[in-house]
Every structure is written in C-alpha cells, then in structure tokens.
Amino acid sequence: MTETSAEEPVMTRREAAAQWTRDFLAARGRRAPSHDVYSEGGRAGYRKSTLQYVLNTSQDIVAVKDGRSWVWQLVNEE
C-alpha cells in the first residue's frame, strides 16, 4: 500500500519570490520603486534575476516608467 503525504506542496523558489513580491507591493500601497524591490528582495534572499523573472512572467505585476525611474505595481484585480 502506498502512503499519501499530508504535507502541503512545496513552492518553487520562483513561486516563493512571486508571492514575496506581491506581498511586498501590497504592503507598500500596491507600488514601489524597482530599486526598493531589488534591495528588499535581496534582504529576503531573492536574487535580482529571480525578481526580474517574476516581473517578466507575472500577469499581475508590471513595471511602469515614473519620471526617470521604474516603479513596480500590482495590476488592479478587475
């Protein structure tokens, strides 16, 4: 007989980074300068390349130009 695991599925590193990014942006009013995302993400253990992957593959996180810098924001859930 085979046993089934009662454990929760483990998130991949990229999934964890995506969830962290969503939580971070939500806590900052749904938007934050890209340098803050990278800086705080680094402190949380995520590489810049992983966070860029999140941005490039996510449908609810976008980067928009704000003056001379970039701002990441959560897309409205409508």
C-alpha atoms as a PDB file:
ATOM      1  CA  MET A   1       0.000   0.000   0.000  1.00  0.00           C
ATOM      2  CA  THR A   2       1.271   3.463  -0.828  1.00  0.00           C
ATOM      3  CA  GLU A   3       1.091   6.289   1.645  1.00  0.00           C
ATOM      4  CA  THR A   4      -0.049   9.720   0.579  1.00  0.00           C
ATOM      5  CA  SER A   5       1.643  12.743   2.008  1.00  0.00           C
ATOM      6  CA  ALA A   6      -0.402  15.070   4.188  1.00  0.00           C
ATOM      7  CA  GLU A   7       2.195  17.800   3.758  1.00  0.00           C
ATOM      8  CA  GLU A   8       1.463  20.977   1.871  1.00  0.00           C
ATOM      9  CA  PRO A   9       3.033  21.177  -1.580  1.00  0.00           C
ATOM     10  CA  VAL A  10       6.393  22.909  -1.549  1.00  0.00           C
ATOM     11  CA  MET A  11       6.663  26.153  -3.509  1.00  0.00           C
ATOM     12  CA  THR A  12       9.446  26.569  -6.031  1.00  0.00           C
ATOM     13  CA  ARG A  13      11.937  29.373  -5.495  1.00  0.00           C
ATOM     14  CA  ARG A  14      10.297  31.379  -8.284  1.00  0.00           C
ATOM     15  CA  GLU A  15       6.813  30.868  -6.843  1.00  0.00           C
ATOM     16  CA  ALA A  16       8.061  31.974  -3.435  1.00  0.00           C
ATOM     17  CA  ALA A  17       9.682  35.057  -4.998  1.00  0.00           C
ATOM     18  CA  ALA A  18       6.441  35.903  -6.809  1.00  0.00           C
ATOM     19  CA  GLN A  19       4.453  35.611  -3.594  1.00  0.00           C
ATOM     20  CA  TRP A  20       7.014  37.702  -1.728  1.00  0.00           C
ATOM     21  CA  THR A  21       6.827  40.386  -4.443  1.00  0.00           C
ATOM     22  CA  ARG A  22       3.022  40.505  -4.304  1.00  0.00           C
ATOM     23  CA  ASP A  23       3.085  40.776  -0.520  1.00  0.00           C
ATOM     24  CA  PHE A  24       5.793  43.447  -0.615  1.00  0.00           C
ATOM     25  CA  LEU A  25       3.905  45.568  -3.148  1.00  0.00           C
ATOM     26  CA  ALA A  26       0.608  45.145  -1.280  1.00  0.00           C
ATOM     27  CA  ALA A  27       2.257  46.347   1.933  1.00  0.00           C
ATOM     28  CA  ARG A  28       3.653  49.388   0.113  1.00  0.00           C
ATOM     29  CA  GLY A  29       0.331  50.580  -1.310  1.00  0.00           C
ATOM     30  CA  ARG A  30       0.451  48.325  -4.392  1.00  0.00           C
ATOM     31  CA  ARG A  31       3.531  50.034  -5.876  1.00  0.00           C
ATOM     32  CA  ALA A  32       7.212  50.533  -5.119  1.00  0.00           C
ATOM     33  CA  PRO A  33      10.330  51.800  -6.919  1.00  0.00           C
ATOM     34  CA  SER A  34      12.224  48.994  -8.623  1.00  0.00           C
ATOM     35  CA  HIS A  35      15.370  49.686  -6.564  1.00  0.00           C
ATOM     36  CA  ASP A  36      13.329  49.059  -3.382  1.00  0.00           C
ATOM     37  CA  VAL A  37      12.008  45.769  -4.780  1.00  0.00           C
ATOM     38  CA  TYR A  38      15.541  44.618  -5.610  1.00  0.00           C
ATOM     39  CA  SER A  39      17.025  45.856  -2.342  1.00  0.00           C
ATOM     40  CA  GLU A  40      14.384  44.371  -0.054  1.00  0.00           C
ATOM     41  CA  GLY A  41      14.166  41.257  -2.202  1.00  0.00           C
ATOM     42  CA  GLY A  42      17.907  40.766  -1.761  1.00  0.00           C
ATOM     43  CA  ARG A  43      17.496  41.062   2.000  1.00  0.00           C
ATOM     44  CA  ALA A  44      14.750  38.430   1.787  1.00  0.00           C
ATOM     45  CA  GLY A  45      17.144  36.124  -0.085  1.00  0.00           C
ATOM     46  CA  TYR A  46      15.996  36.624  -3.687  1.00  0.00           C
ATOM     47  CA  ARG A  47      18.416  37.399  -6.496  1.00  0.00           C
ATOM     48  CA  LYS A  48      17.760  40.253  -8.880  1.00  0.00           C
ATOM     49  CA  SER A  49      17.479  37.772 -11.756  1.00  0.00           C
ATOM     50  CA  THR A  50      14.774  35.834  -9.901  1.00  0.00           C
ATOM     51  CA  LEU A  51      12.797  39.019  -9.258  1.00  0.00           C
ATOM     52  CA  GLN A  52      13.157  40.007 -12.918  1.00  0.00           C
ATOM     53  CA  TYR A  53      11.814  36.585 -13.888  1.00  0.00           C
ATOM     54  CA  VAL A  54       8.805  37.239 -11.638  1.00  0.00           C
ATOM     55  CA  LEU A  55       8.202  40.572 -13.343  1.00  0.00           C
ATOM     56  CA  ASN A  56       8.528  39.100 -16.825  1.00  0.00           C
ATOM     57  CA  THR A  57       6.239  36.132 -16.225  1.00  0.00           C
ATOM     58  CA  SER A  58       3.611  37.544 -13.885  1.00  0.00           C
ATOM     59  CA  GLN A  59       0.319  38.859 -15.203  1.00  0.00           C
ATOM     60  CA  ASP A  60      -0.480  40.850 -12.068  1.00  0.00           C
ATOM     61  CA  ILE A  61       2.845  42.666 -11.588  1.00  0.00           C
ATOM     62  CA  VAL A  62       4.027  45.314 -14.041  1.00  0.00           C
ATOM     63  CA  ALA A  63       6.797  47.900 -14.217  1.00  0.00           C
ATOM     64  CA  VAL A  64       5.939  51.411 -15.358  1.00  0.00           C
ATOM     65  CA  LYS A  65       8.193  54.361 -16.038  1.00  0.00           C
ATOM     66  CA  ASP A  66       7.783  57.151 -13.480  1.00  0.00           C
ATOM     67  CA  GLY A  67       9.949  60.090 -14.472  1.00  0.00           C
ATOM     68  CA  ARG A  68      13.485  58.748 -14.710  1.00  0.00           C
ATOM     69  CA  SER A  69      12.905  55.573 -12.704  1.00  0.00           C
ATOM     70  CA  TRP A  70      10.825  52.422 -12.851  1.00  0.00           C
ATOM     71  CA  VAL A  71       8.046  51.524 -10.435  1.00  0.00           C
ATOM     72  CA  TRP A  72       6.657  48.040  -9.925  1.00  0.00           C
ATOM     73  CA  GLN A  73       2.954  47.812  -9.242  1.00  0.00           C
ATOM     74  CA  LEU A  74       0.198  45.311  -8.785  1.00  0.00           C
ATOM     75  CA  VAL A  75      -2.366  45.380 -11.563  1.00  0.00           C
ATOM     76  CA  ASN A  76      -5.921  46.049 -10.401  1.00  0.00           C
ATOM     77  CA  GLU A  77      -7.996  42.909  -9.947  1.00  0.00           C
ATOM     78  CA  GLU A  78     -10.965  43.892 -12.100  1.00  0.00           C
END
